[in-house]
N, C-alpha and C. Protein backbone atom coordinates (compact mmCIF):
# COMPACT_ATOMS: atom_id res chain seq x y z
N MET A 1 19.42 -15.42 8.62
CA MET A 1 19.67 -14.36 7.65
C MET A 1 21.10 -14.48 7.16
N THR A 2 21.32 -14.44 5.90
CA THR A 2 22.65 -14.60 5.34
C THR A 2 23.41 -13.29 5.43
N GLU A 3 24.71 -13.40 5.49
CA GLU A 3 25.56 -12.22 5.57
C GLU A 3 25.52 -11.47 4.24
N ALA A 4 25.54 -10.17 4.33
CA ALA A 4 25.56 -9.34 3.13
C ALA A 4 26.96 -9.39 2.53
N PRO A 5 27.03 -9.35 1.23
CA PRO A 5 28.34 -9.44 0.57
C PRO A 5 29.05 -8.09 0.53
N PHE A 6 29.34 -7.52 1.68
CA PHE A 6 30.03 -6.24 1.75
C PHE A 6 31.41 -6.45 2.31
N ALA A 7 32.23 -5.39 2.25
CA ALA A 7 33.64 -5.52 2.58
C ALA A 7 33.92 -5.63 4.08
N ASN A 8 33.38 -4.75 4.91
CA ASN A 8 33.77 -4.78 6.32
C ASN A 8 32.62 -5.20 7.22
N SER A 9 32.98 -5.55 8.46
CA SER A 9 31.99 -6.09 9.39
C SER A 9 31.01 -5.04 9.88
N ARG A 10 31.42 -3.78 9.96
CA ARG A 10 30.51 -2.72 10.39
C ARG A 10 29.37 -2.56 9.38
N THR A 11 29.70 -2.59 8.12
CA THR A 11 28.68 -2.49 7.08
C THR A 11 27.73 -3.67 7.14
N VAL A 12 28.27 -4.84 7.45
CA VAL A 12 27.44 -6.04 7.57
C VAL A 12 26.47 -5.89 8.74
N ARG A 13 26.95 -5.35 9.87
CA ARG A 13 26.08 -5.14 11.03
C ARG A 13 24.98 -4.14 10.73
N VAL A 14 25.33 -3.04 10.08
CA VAL A 14 24.33 -2.02 9.72
C VAL A 14 23.33 -2.61 8.75
N ASP A 15 23.81 -3.39 7.79
CA ASP A 15 22.93 -4.03 6.81
C ASP A 15 21.98 -5.00 7.49
N ALA A 16 22.50 -5.79 8.43
CA ALA A 16 21.65 -6.75 9.15
C ALA A 16 20.63 -6.03 10.01
N MET A 17 21.04 -4.94 10.66
CA MET A 17 20.12 -4.18 11.50
C MET A 17 19.02 -3.54 10.65
N PHE A 18 19.40 -2.97 9.52
CA PHE A 18 18.43 -2.36 8.61
C PHE A 18 17.46 -3.41 8.11
N GLY A 19 17.96 -4.60 7.80
CA GLY A 19 17.10 -5.70 7.36
C GLY A 19 16.12 -6.11 8.44
N LYS A 20 16.58 -6.15 9.70
CA LYS A 20 15.68 -6.50 10.80
C LYS A 20 14.59 -5.45 10.99
N ILE A 21 14.97 -4.19 10.86
CA ILE A 21 13.98 -3.11 10.99
C ILE A 21 12.94 -3.23 9.88
N LEU A 22 13.40 -3.46 8.65
CA LEU A 22 12.47 -3.59 7.53
C LEU A 22 11.57 -4.81 7.70
N ASN A 23 12.11 -5.91 8.21
CA ASN A 23 11.29 -7.10 8.44
C ASN A 23 10.24 -6.85 9.52
N PHE A 24 10.62 -6.14 10.59
CA PHE A 24 9.66 -5.81 11.64
C PHE A 24 8.55 -4.91 11.08
N LEU A 25 8.92 -3.87 10.33
CA LEU A 25 7.92 -2.99 9.72
C LEU A 25 7.02 -3.76 8.77
N ASP A 26 7.60 -4.71 8.05
CA ASP A 26 6.82 -5.53 7.14
C ASP A 26 5.77 -6.34 7.89
N LYS A 27 6.14 -6.91 9.01
CA LYS A 27 5.18 -7.68 9.81
C LYS A 27 4.06 -6.79 10.35
N VAL A 28 4.43 -5.61 10.84
CA VAL A 28 3.42 -4.68 11.37
C VAL A 28 2.47 -4.24 10.26
N LEU A 29 3.02 -3.85 9.13
CA LEU A 29 2.19 -3.41 8.01
C LEU A 29 1.31 -4.53 7.48
N SER A 30 1.85 -5.72 7.39
CA SER A 30 1.06 -6.86 6.91
C SER A 30 -0.11 -7.13 7.85
N PHE A 31 0.15 -7.09 9.15
CA PHE A 31 -0.92 -7.29 10.12
C PHE A 31 -2.00 -6.23 9.97
N PHE A 32 -1.58 -4.97 9.89
CA PHE A 32 -2.53 -3.87 9.74
C PHE A 32 -3.33 -4.00 8.45
N GLU A 33 -2.65 -4.25 7.34
CA GLU A 33 -3.34 -4.37 6.05
C GLU A 33 -4.34 -5.51 6.06
N GLU A 34 -3.87 -6.67 6.47
CA GLU A 34 -4.74 -7.84 6.40
C GLU A 34 -5.99 -7.68 7.26
N TRP A 35 -5.81 -7.22 8.49
CA TRP A 35 -6.96 -7.13 9.38
C TRP A 35 -7.90 -5.98 9.03
N THR A 36 -7.36 -4.83 8.68
CA THR A 36 -8.26 -3.72 8.33
C THR A 36 -8.98 -4.01 7.02
N LEU A 37 -8.30 -4.62 6.08
CA LEU A 37 -8.97 -4.97 4.82
C LEU A 37 -10.03 -6.04 5.07
N PHE A 38 -9.71 -7.03 5.88
CA PHE A 38 -10.66 -8.09 6.19
C PHE A 38 -11.91 -7.54 6.88
N ILE A 39 -11.70 -6.75 7.92
CA ILE A 39 -12.83 -6.22 8.69
C ILE A 39 -13.68 -5.27 7.84
N SER A 40 -13.04 -4.39 7.09
CA SER A 40 -13.81 -3.43 6.29
C SER A 40 -14.60 -4.12 5.19
N VAL A 41 -14.03 -5.13 4.56
CA VAL A 41 -14.76 -5.84 3.51
C VAL A 41 -15.91 -6.65 4.10
N ILE A 42 -15.69 -7.27 5.26
CA ILE A 42 -16.78 -8.02 5.91
C ILE A 42 -17.92 -7.08 6.28
N VAL A 43 -17.61 -5.92 6.85
CA VAL A 43 -18.65 -4.95 7.21
C VAL A 43 -19.42 -4.52 5.97
N ALA A 44 -18.71 -4.24 4.88
CA ALA A 44 -19.38 -3.82 3.65
C ALA A 44 -20.25 -4.94 3.09
N LEU A 45 -19.76 -6.17 3.13
CA LEU A 45 -20.55 -7.29 2.62
C LEU A 45 -21.82 -7.52 3.43
N VAL A 46 -21.70 -7.43 4.74
CA VAL A 46 -22.88 -7.60 5.60
C VAL A 46 -23.89 -6.50 5.33
N ALA A 47 -23.42 -5.24 5.24
CA ALA A 47 -24.33 -4.13 4.96
C ALA A 47 -24.99 -4.30 3.60
N LEU A 48 -24.23 -4.69 2.61
CA LEU A 48 -24.78 -4.88 1.26
C LEU A 48 -25.75 -6.06 1.23
N PHE A 49 -25.43 -7.13 1.95
CA PHE A 49 -26.32 -8.29 2.01
C PHE A 49 -27.67 -7.90 2.62
N PHE A 50 -27.65 -7.20 3.75
CA PHE A 50 -28.91 -6.78 4.36
C PHE A 50 -29.68 -5.80 3.48
N ASN A 51 -28.94 -4.96 2.76
CA ASN A 51 -29.60 -4.03 1.85
C ASN A 51 -30.31 -4.78 0.72
N VAL A 52 -29.68 -5.81 0.19
CA VAL A 52 -30.31 -6.61 -0.87
C VAL A 52 -31.53 -7.34 -0.33
N ILE A 53 -31.42 -7.93 0.86
CA ILE A 53 -32.56 -8.61 1.48
C ILE A 53 -33.72 -7.64 1.69
N LEU A 54 -33.42 -6.47 2.23
CA LEU A 54 -34.47 -5.48 2.48
C LEU A 54 -35.08 -4.96 1.17
N ARG A 55 -34.22 -4.75 0.17
CA ARG A 55 -34.72 -4.20 -1.10
C ARG A 55 -35.65 -5.18 -1.81
N TYR A 56 -35.23 -6.42 -1.93
CA TYR A 56 -36.02 -7.39 -2.69
C TYR A 56 -37.05 -8.13 -1.84
N GLY A 57 -36.84 -8.21 -0.54
CA GLY A 57 -37.79 -8.91 0.32
C GLY A 57 -38.87 -8.02 0.88
N PHE A 58 -38.49 -6.76 1.18
CA PHE A 58 -39.43 -5.87 1.86
C PHE A 58 -39.66 -4.56 1.11
N ASN A 59 -39.06 -4.42 -0.06
CA ASN A 59 -39.20 -3.24 -0.90
C ASN A 59 -38.76 -1.97 -0.14
N TYR A 60 -37.68 -2.10 0.62
CA TYR A 60 -37.13 -1.00 1.40
C TYR A 60 -35.61 -1.02 1.20
N SER A 61 -35.02 0.15 1.01
CA SER A 61 -33.59 0.21 0.75
C SER A 61 -32.89 1.07 1.80
N LEU A 62 -31.70 0.65 2.19
CA LEU A 62 -30.87 1.41 3.11
C LEU A 62 -29.90 2.27 2.31
N ALA A 63 -30.06 3.57 2.37
CA ALA A 63 -29.19 4.46 1.60
C ALA A 63 -27.77 4.46 2.15
N TRP A 64 -27.63 4.32 3.47
CA TRP A 64 -26.30 4.39 4.07
C TRP A 64 -25.42 3.21 3.69
N SER A 65 -26.03 2.07 3.39
CA SER A 65 -25.19 0.91 3.07
C SER A 65 -24.46 1.11 1.74
N GLU A 66 -25.10 1.77 0.80
CA GLU A 66 -24.43 2.03 -0.48
C GLU A 66 -23.27 3.01 -0.30
N GLU A 67 -23.47 4.01 0.56
CA GLU A 67 -22.39 4.95 0.84
C GLU A 67 -21.24 4.25 1.57
N LEU A 68 -21.59 3.38 2.50
CA LEU A 68 -20.57 2.62 3.23
C LEU A 68 -19.74 1.76 2.28
N VAL A 69 -20.41 1.07 1.37
CA VAL A 69 -19.70 0.23 0.41
C VAL A 69 -18.79 1.07 -0.47
N ARG A 70 -19.25 2.23 -0.89
CA ARG A 70 -18.43 3.13 -1.70
C ARG A 70 -17.17 3.55 -0.94
N GLU A 71 -17.32 3.90 0.32
CA GLU A 71 -16.17 4.32 1.12
C GLU A 71 -15.22 3.16 1.38
N VAL A 72 -15.76 1.98 1.58
CA VAL A 72 -14.91 0.79 1.80
C VAL A 72 -14.12 0.47 0.52
N ILE A 73 -14.74 0.61 -0.63
CA ILE A 73 -14.03 0.36 -1.89
C ILE A 73 -12.86 1.33 -2.03
N ILE A 74 -13.09 2.59 -1.71
CA ILE A 74 -12.01 3.58 -1.77
C ILE A 74 -10.90 3.21 -0.80
N TYR A 75 -11.26 2.89 0.42
CA TYR A 75 -10.28 2.54 1.45
C TYR A 75 -9.46 1.31 1.05
N THR A 76 -10.15 0.26 0.62
CA THR A 76 -9.44 -0.98 0.28
C THR A 76 -8.55 -0.80 -0.94
N THR A 77 -8.94 0.07 -1.84
CA THR A 77 -8.09 0.34 -3.01
C THR A 77 -6.78 0.97 -2.58
N PHE A 78 -6.85 1.97 -1.73
CA PHE A 78 -5.63 2.65 -1.30
C PHE A 78 -4.76 1.79 -0.40
N ILE A 79 -5.34 1.09 0.54
CA ILE A 79 -4.54 0.23 1.41
C ILE A 79 -4.00 -0.96 0.62
N GLY A 80 -4.76 -1.41 -0.37
CA GLY A 80 -4.30 -2.51 -1.23
C GLY A 80 -3.08 -2.14 -2.06
N CYS A 81 -2.85 -0.85 -2.30
CA CYS A 81 -1.65 -0.43 -3.04
C CYS A 81 -0.39 -0.85 -2.30
N SER A 82 -0.40 -0.71 -1.00
CA SER A 82 0.76 -1.11 -0.21
C SER A 82 1.00 -2.61 -0.30
N ALA A 83 -0.08 -3.37 -0.23
CA ALA A 83 0.05 -4.83 -0.35
C ALA A 83 0.55 -5.21 -1.74
N ALA A 84 0.15 -4.46 -2.75
CA ALA A 84 0.60 -4.75 -4.12
C ALA A 84 2.09 -4.48 -4.27
N VAL A 85 2.60 -3.46 -3.60
CA VAL A 85 4.04 -3.20 -3.66
C VAL A 85 4.79 -4.34 -2.99
N LYS A 86 4.27 -4.81 -1.86
CA LYS A 86 4.93 -5.91 -1.14
C LYS A 86 5.02 -7.16 -2.01
N SER A 87 3.92 -7.51 -2.65
CA SER A 87 3.90 -8.74 -3.44
C SER A 87 4.38 -8.52 -4.88
N ARG A 88 4.80 -7.29 -5.18
CA ARG A 88 5.32 -6.93 -6.51
C ARG A 88 4.29 -7.21 -7.61
N THR A 89 3.05 -6.85 -7.34
CA THR A 89 1.98 -7.10 -8.31
C THR A 89 1.36 -5.81 -8.83
N LEU A 90 2.09 -4.70 -8.77
CA LEU A 90 1.59 -3.48 -9.38
C LEU A 90 1.52 -3.69 -10.89
N ILE A 91 0.65 -2.98 -11.52
CA ILE A 91 0.50 -3.11 -12.98
C ILE A 91 1.78 -2.63 -13.66
N LYS A 92 2.30 -3.48 -14.54
CA LYS A 92 3.53 -3.15 -15.26
C LYS A 92 3.39 -3.51 -16.72
N ILE A 93 4.13 -2.81 -17.54
CA ILE A 93 4.23 -3.16 -18.94
C ILE A 93 5.59 -3.82 -19.11
N ASP A 94 5.59 -5.12 -19.39
CA ASP A 94 6.86 -5.84 -19.43
C ASP A 94 7.29 -6.22 -20.84
N ALA A 95 6.73 -5.58 -21.85
CA ALA A 95 7.13 -5.90 -23.22
C ALA A 95 8.59 -5.54 -23.46
N SER A 96 9.05 -4.40 -22.93
CA SER A 96 10.45 -4.01 -23.14
C SER A 96 11.40 -4.98 -22.46
N VAL A 97 11.00 -5.53 -21.32
CA VAL A 97 11.84 -6.50 -20.61
C VAL A 97 11.92 -7.80 -21.41
N GLN A 98 10.81 -8.18 -22.04
CA GLN A 98 10.81 -9.40 -22.85
C GLN A 98 11.64 -9.21 -24.12
N LEU A 99 11.61 -8.00 -24.69
CA LEU A 99 12.41 -7.73 -25.89
C LEU A 99 13.90 -7.58 -25.56
N PHE A 100 14.19 -6.93 -24.44
CA PHE A 100 15.56 -6.67 -24.03
C PHE A 100 15.76 -7.16 -22.60
N PRO A 101 16.05 -8.44 -22.40
CA PRO A 101 16.16 -9.01 -21.04
C PRO A 101 17.21 -8.32 -20.16
N LYS A 102 18.23 -7.73 -20.77
CA LYS A 102 19.26 -7.07 -19.97
C LYS A 102 18.74 -5.81 -19.30
N LEU A 103 17.61 -5.31 -19.75
CA LEU A 103 17.03 -4.11 -19.15
C LEU A 103 16.17 -4.42 -17.92
N LYS A 104 16.03 -5.69 -17.58
CA LYS A 104 15.14 -6.04 -16.47
C LYS A 104 15.55 -5.38 -15.16
N ILE A 105 16.81 -5.46 -14.81
CA ILE A 105 17.27 -4.90 -13.53
C ILE A 105 17.15 -3.38 -13.52
N PRO A 106 17.66 -2.66 -14.55
CA PRO A 106 17.50 -1.20 -14.50
C PRO A 106 16.03 -0.75 -14.53
N LEU A 107 15.21 -1.44 -15.29
CA LEU A 107 13.79 -1.06 -15.34
C LEU A 107 13.08 -1.37 -14.02
N THR A 108 13.47 -2.44 -13.36
CA THR A 108 12.89 -2.75 -12.05
C THR A 108 13.25 -1.66 -11.05
N PHE A 109 14.50 -1.24 -11.04
CA PHE A 109 14.91 -0.17 -10.12
C PHE A 109 14.20 1.14 -10.48
N PHE A 110 14.08 1.43 -11.77
CA PHE A 110 13.39 2.65 -12.19
C PHE A 110 11.92 2.60 -11.78
N SER A 111 11.29 1.47 -11.96
CA SER A 111 9.89 1.31 -11.58
C SER A 111 9.71 1.51 -10.07
N ASN A 112 10.59 0.92 -9.29
CA ASN A 112 10.52 1.08 -7.84
C ASN A 112 10.79 2.53 -7.43
N PHE A 113 11.71 3.19 -8.15
CA PHE A 113 11.99 4.59 -7.87
C PHE A 113 10.76 5.46 -8.14
N VAL A 114 10.08 5.20 -9.24
CA VAL A 114 8.87 5.96 -9.58
C VAL A 114 7.78 5.72 -8.53
N VAL A 115 7.63 4.48 -8.08
CA VAL A 115 6.65 4.18 -7.02
C VAL A 115 7.03 4.92 -5.74
N GLY A 116 8.32 5.01 -5.45
CA GLY A 116 8.77 5.77 -4.28
C GLY A 116 8.43 7.25 -4.41
N ILE A 117 8.65 7.82 -5.59
CA ILE A 117 8.30 9.23 -5.83
C ILE A 117 6.79 9.42 -5.67
N PHE A 118 6.01 8.49 -6.22
CA PHE A 118 4.55 8.56 -6.09
C PHE A 118 4.15 8.50 -4.61
N SER A 119 4.82 7.66 -3.85
CA SER A 119 4.52 7.53 -2.42
C SER A 119 4.77 8.85 -1.68
N VAL A 120 5.89 9.47 -1.98
CA VAL A 120 6.21 10.75 -1.35
C VAL A 120 5.17 11.80 -1.74
N MET A 121 4.76 11.80 -3.00
CA MET A 121 3.73 12.75 -3.43
C MET A 121 2.40 12.49 -2.73
N MET A 122 2.07 11.21 -2.52
CA MET A 122 0.82 10.89 -1.81
C MET A 122 0.88 11.35 -0.36
N ILE A 123 2.04 11.22 0.25
CA ILE A 123 2.20 11.70 1.63
C ILE A 123 2.01 13.21 1.66
N TYR A 124 2.71 13.92 0.78
CA TYR A 124 2.68 15.38 0.78
C TYR A 124 1.29 15.92 0.42
N TYR A 125 0.80 15.54 -0.75
CA TYR A 125 -0.48 16.09 -1.20
C TYR A 125 -1.66 15.51 -0.43
N GLY A 126 -1.56 14.26 -0.01
CA GLY A 126 -2.61 13.66 0.81
C GLY A 126 -2.75 14.37 2.14
N TRP A 127 -1.60 14.74 2.73
CA TRP A 127 -1.63 15.48 3.98
C TRP A 127 -2.34 16.82 3.79
N HIS A 128 -1.97 17.51 2.71
CA HIS A 128 -2.60 18.81 2.44
C HIS A 128 -4.10 18.68 2.20
N MET A 129 -4.51 17.65 1.51
CA MET A 129 -5.93 17.43 1.27
C MET A 129 -6.67 17.09 2.57
N ALA A 130 -6.05 16.29 3.42
CA ALA A 130 -6.67 15.95 4.70
C ALA A 130 -6.78 17.19 5.59
N VAL A 131 -5.76 18.02 5.60
CA VAL A 131 -5.81 19.26 6.39
C VAL A 131 -6.92 20.17 5.85
N LEU A 132 -7.06 20.25 4.54
CA LEU A 132 -8.13 21.05 3.95
C LEU A 132 -9.50 20.54 4.38
N GLN A 133 -9.67 19.23 4.40
CA GLN A 133 -10.95 18.66 4.84
C GLN A 133 -11.19 18.92 6.33
N ALA A 134 -10.11 18.93 7.11
CA ALA A 134 -10.26 19.22 8.55
C ALA A 134 -10.68 20.67 8.77
N ARG A 135 -10.17 21.57 7.93
CA ARG A 135 -10.54 22.99 8.05
C ARG A 135 -11.97 23.26 7.64
N THR A 136 -12.45 22.54 6.64
CA THR A 136 -13.78 22.83 6.10
C THR A 136 -14.88 22.02 6.77
N PHE A 137 -14.53 21.04 7.57
CA PHE A 137 -15.49 20.22 8.31
C PHE A 137 -16.52 19.54 7.40
N GLN A 138 -16.09 19.14 6.21
CA GLN A 138 -17.02 18.47 5.30
C GLN A 138 -17.29 17.05 5.77
N LYS A 139 -18.51 16.59 5.48
CA LYS A 139 -18.91 15.24 5.87
C LYS A 139 -19.56 14.55 4.68
N THR A 140 -19.62 13.20 4.76
CA THR A 140 -20.33 12.47 3.72
C THR A 140 -21.82 12.79 3.83
N ILE A 141 -22.55 12.58 2.76
CA ILE A 141 -23.93 13.03 2.68
C ILE A 141 -24.85 12.28 3.64
N ILE A 142 -24.83 10.98 3.63
CA ILE A 142 -25.81 10.20 4.38
C ILE A 142 -25.31 9.83 5.77
N MET A 143 -24.14 9.25 5.85
CA MET A 143 -23.63 8.78 7.14
C MET A 143 -22.96 9.88 7.95
N GLU A 144 -22.68 11.00 7.33
CA GLU A 144 -22.05 12.16 7.96
C GLU A 144 -20.71 11.82 8.61
N ILE A 145 -19.93 11.01 7.91
CA ILE A 145 -18.56 10.70 8.34
C ILE A 145 -17.69 11.89 7.93
N PRO A 146 -16.91 12.46 8.84
CA PRO A 146 -16.02 13.56 8.44
C PRO A 146 -15.07 13.10 7.32
N LEU A 147 -15.01 13.89 6.27
CA LEU A 147 -14.17 13.52 5.13
C LEU A 147 -12.68 13.50 5.47
N VAL A 148 -12.31 14.16 6.55
CA VAL A 148 -10.90 14.12 6.94
C VAL A 148 -10.46 12.69 7.21
N TYR A 149 -11.35 11.84 7.72
CA TYR A 149 -10.99 10.44 7.96
C TYR A 149 -10.74 9.71 6.65
N LEU A 150 -11.53 10.01 5.65
CA LEU A 150 -11.35 9.35 4.36
C LEU A 150 -10.10 9.86 3.65
N TYR A 151 -9.85 11.16 3.75
CA TYR A 151 -8.66 11.72 3.09
C TYR A 151 -7.38 11.39 3.85
N ALA A 152 -7.48 11.04 5.12
CA ALA A 152 -6.30 10.65 5.89
C ALA A 152 -5.71 9.34 5.38
N VAL A 153 -6.48 8.61 4.62
CA VAL A 153 -5.98 7.36 4.04
C VAL A 153 -4.87 7.66 3.03
N LEU A 154 -4.92 8.81 2.37
CA LEU A 154 -3.93 9.12 1.33
C LEU A 154 -2.50 9.20 1.88
N PRO A 155 -2.22 10.03 2.90
CA PRO A 155 -0.84 10.02 3.41
C PRO A 155 -0.48 8.70 4.10
N LEU A 156 -1.45 8.04 4.70
CA LEU A 156 -1.19 6.73 5.31
C LEU A 156 -0.75 5.74 4.23
N MET A 157 -1.48 5.72 3.12
CA MET A 157 -1.12 4.83 2.03
C MET A 157 0.24 5.19 1.46
N GLY A 158 0.52 6.47 1.33
CA GLY A 158 1.83 6.88 0.83
C GLY A 158 2.95 6.42 1.73
N LEU A 159 2.75 6.56 3.04
CA LEU A 159 3.77 6.13 3.99
C LEU A 159 3.97 4.61 3.95
N MET A 160 2.87 3.88 3.88
CA MET A 160 2.96 2.42 3.82
C MET A 160 3.65 1.98 2.53
N MET A 161 3.30 2.62 1.41
CA MET A 161 3.95 2.26 0.14
C MET A 161 5.43 2.59 0.18
N LEU A 162 5.78 3.72 0.79
CA LEU A 162 7.19 4.11 0.86
C LEU A 162 7.99 3.09 1.66
N MET A 163 7.43 2.63 2.78
CA MET A 163 8.13 1.61 3.57
C MET A 163 8.26 0.31 2.77
N ARG A 164 7.22 -0.05 2.04
CA ARG A 164 7.28 -1.27 1.22
C ARG A 164 8.31 -1.14 0.11
N VAL A 165 8.36 0.03 -0.53
CA VAL A 165 9.32 0.24 -1.62
C VAL A 165 10.74 0.18 -1.08
N MET A 166 10.96 0.72 0.11
CA MET A 166 12.29 0.63 0.71
C MET A 166 12.68 -0.83 0.92
N LYS A 167 11.75 -1.65 1.37
CA LYS A 167 12.06 -3.08 1.56
C LYS A 167 12.33 -3.76 0.22
N VAL A 168 11.55 -3.42 -0.80
CA VAL A 168 11.76 -4.02 -2.13
C VAL A 168 13.12 -3.61 -2.67
N PHE A 169 13.48 -2.33 -2.52
CA PHE A 169 14.82 -1.88 -2.93
C PHE A 169 15.89 -2.66 -2.18
N TYR A 170 15.73 -2.80 -0.90
CA TYR A 170 16.70 -3.53 -0.07
C TYR A 170 16.85 -4.97 -0.56
N GLN A 171 15.72 -5.64 -0.81
CA GLN A 171 15.77 -7.02 -1.28
C GLN A 171 16.45 -7.11 -2.65
N ASP A 172 16.12 -6.18 -3.54
CA ASP A 172 16.70 -6.21 -4.88
C ASP A 172 18.20 -5.95 -4.85
N ILE A 173 18.63 -5.02 -4.02
CA ILE A 173 20.06 -4.71 -3.93
C ILE A 173 20.82 -5.89 -3.33
N ARG A 174 20.27 -6.49 -2.28
CA ARG A 174 20.93 -7.67 -1.69
C ARG A 174 21.01 -8.82 -2.70
N GLU A 175 19.95 -9.03 -3.46
CA GLU A 175 19.95 -10.10 -4.46
C GLU A 175 20.99 -9.81 -5.55
N LEU A 176 21.07 -8.57 -5.98
CA LEU A 176 22.04 -8.18 -7.01
C LEU A 176 23.47 -8.34 -6.49
N MET A 177 23.71 -7.94 -5.24
CA MET A 177 25.04 -8.09 -4.66
C MET A 177 25.42 -9.56 -4.50
N ALA A 178 24.46 -10.39 -4.11
CA ALA A 178 24.73 -11.82 -3.95
C ALA A 178 25.09 -12.46 -5.29
N LYS A 179 24.39 -12.04 -6.35
CA LYS A 179 24.70 -12.55 -7.68
C LYS A 179 26.10 -12.14 -8.13
N ARG A 180 26.48 -10.91 -7.80
CA ARG A 180 27.81 -10.44 -8.20
C ARG A 180 28.91 -11.19 -7.45
N VAL A 181 28.67 -11.52 -6.19
CA VAL A 181 29.66 -12.26 -5.41
C VAL A 181 29.81 -13.66 -5.96
N GLN A 182 28.69 -14.26 -6.37
CA GLN A 182 28.74 -15.62 -6.91
C GLN A 182 29.44 -15.67 -8.26
N SER A 183 29.42 -14.56 -9.01
CA SER A 183 30.03 -14.56 -10.35
C SER A 183 31.53 -14.46 -10.31
């Protein structure tokens, strides 16, 4: 890990420690995302495959498999948001950056700031929605999965996105500082 271009050694130590914490969190989140996404998609594919075989081979359909696939799509969409922040592949409109290249850095920071605000809102409102589902004891229609489990993905996704945005901010600031030192 390269030294941060800061003035004193204490700041460098804090910067290095913060970087190590963010790297550790990144590894944990990546492991969680990759494996839960992999397992949930495999389960949905197997259920959908058997449903297709039963529907066209035996003229019998499994209602629960369609509900399972629907819930997996919702889950993978929300957990995939965190992975998109990590890989910097969120949907962006980059026409203004192409027209005004000097705006790239401020717009990148603004975009990351907005994603951070969205993450905090997902944590706050997602928590409230999950608590509401816990109070009402609602369940899915066919599989009778408590909806609190599905709504709990919202604050989880918000927390994961917030950690990812913090790492992206950290990387961008370090890159900007390194460029300024080189100039």
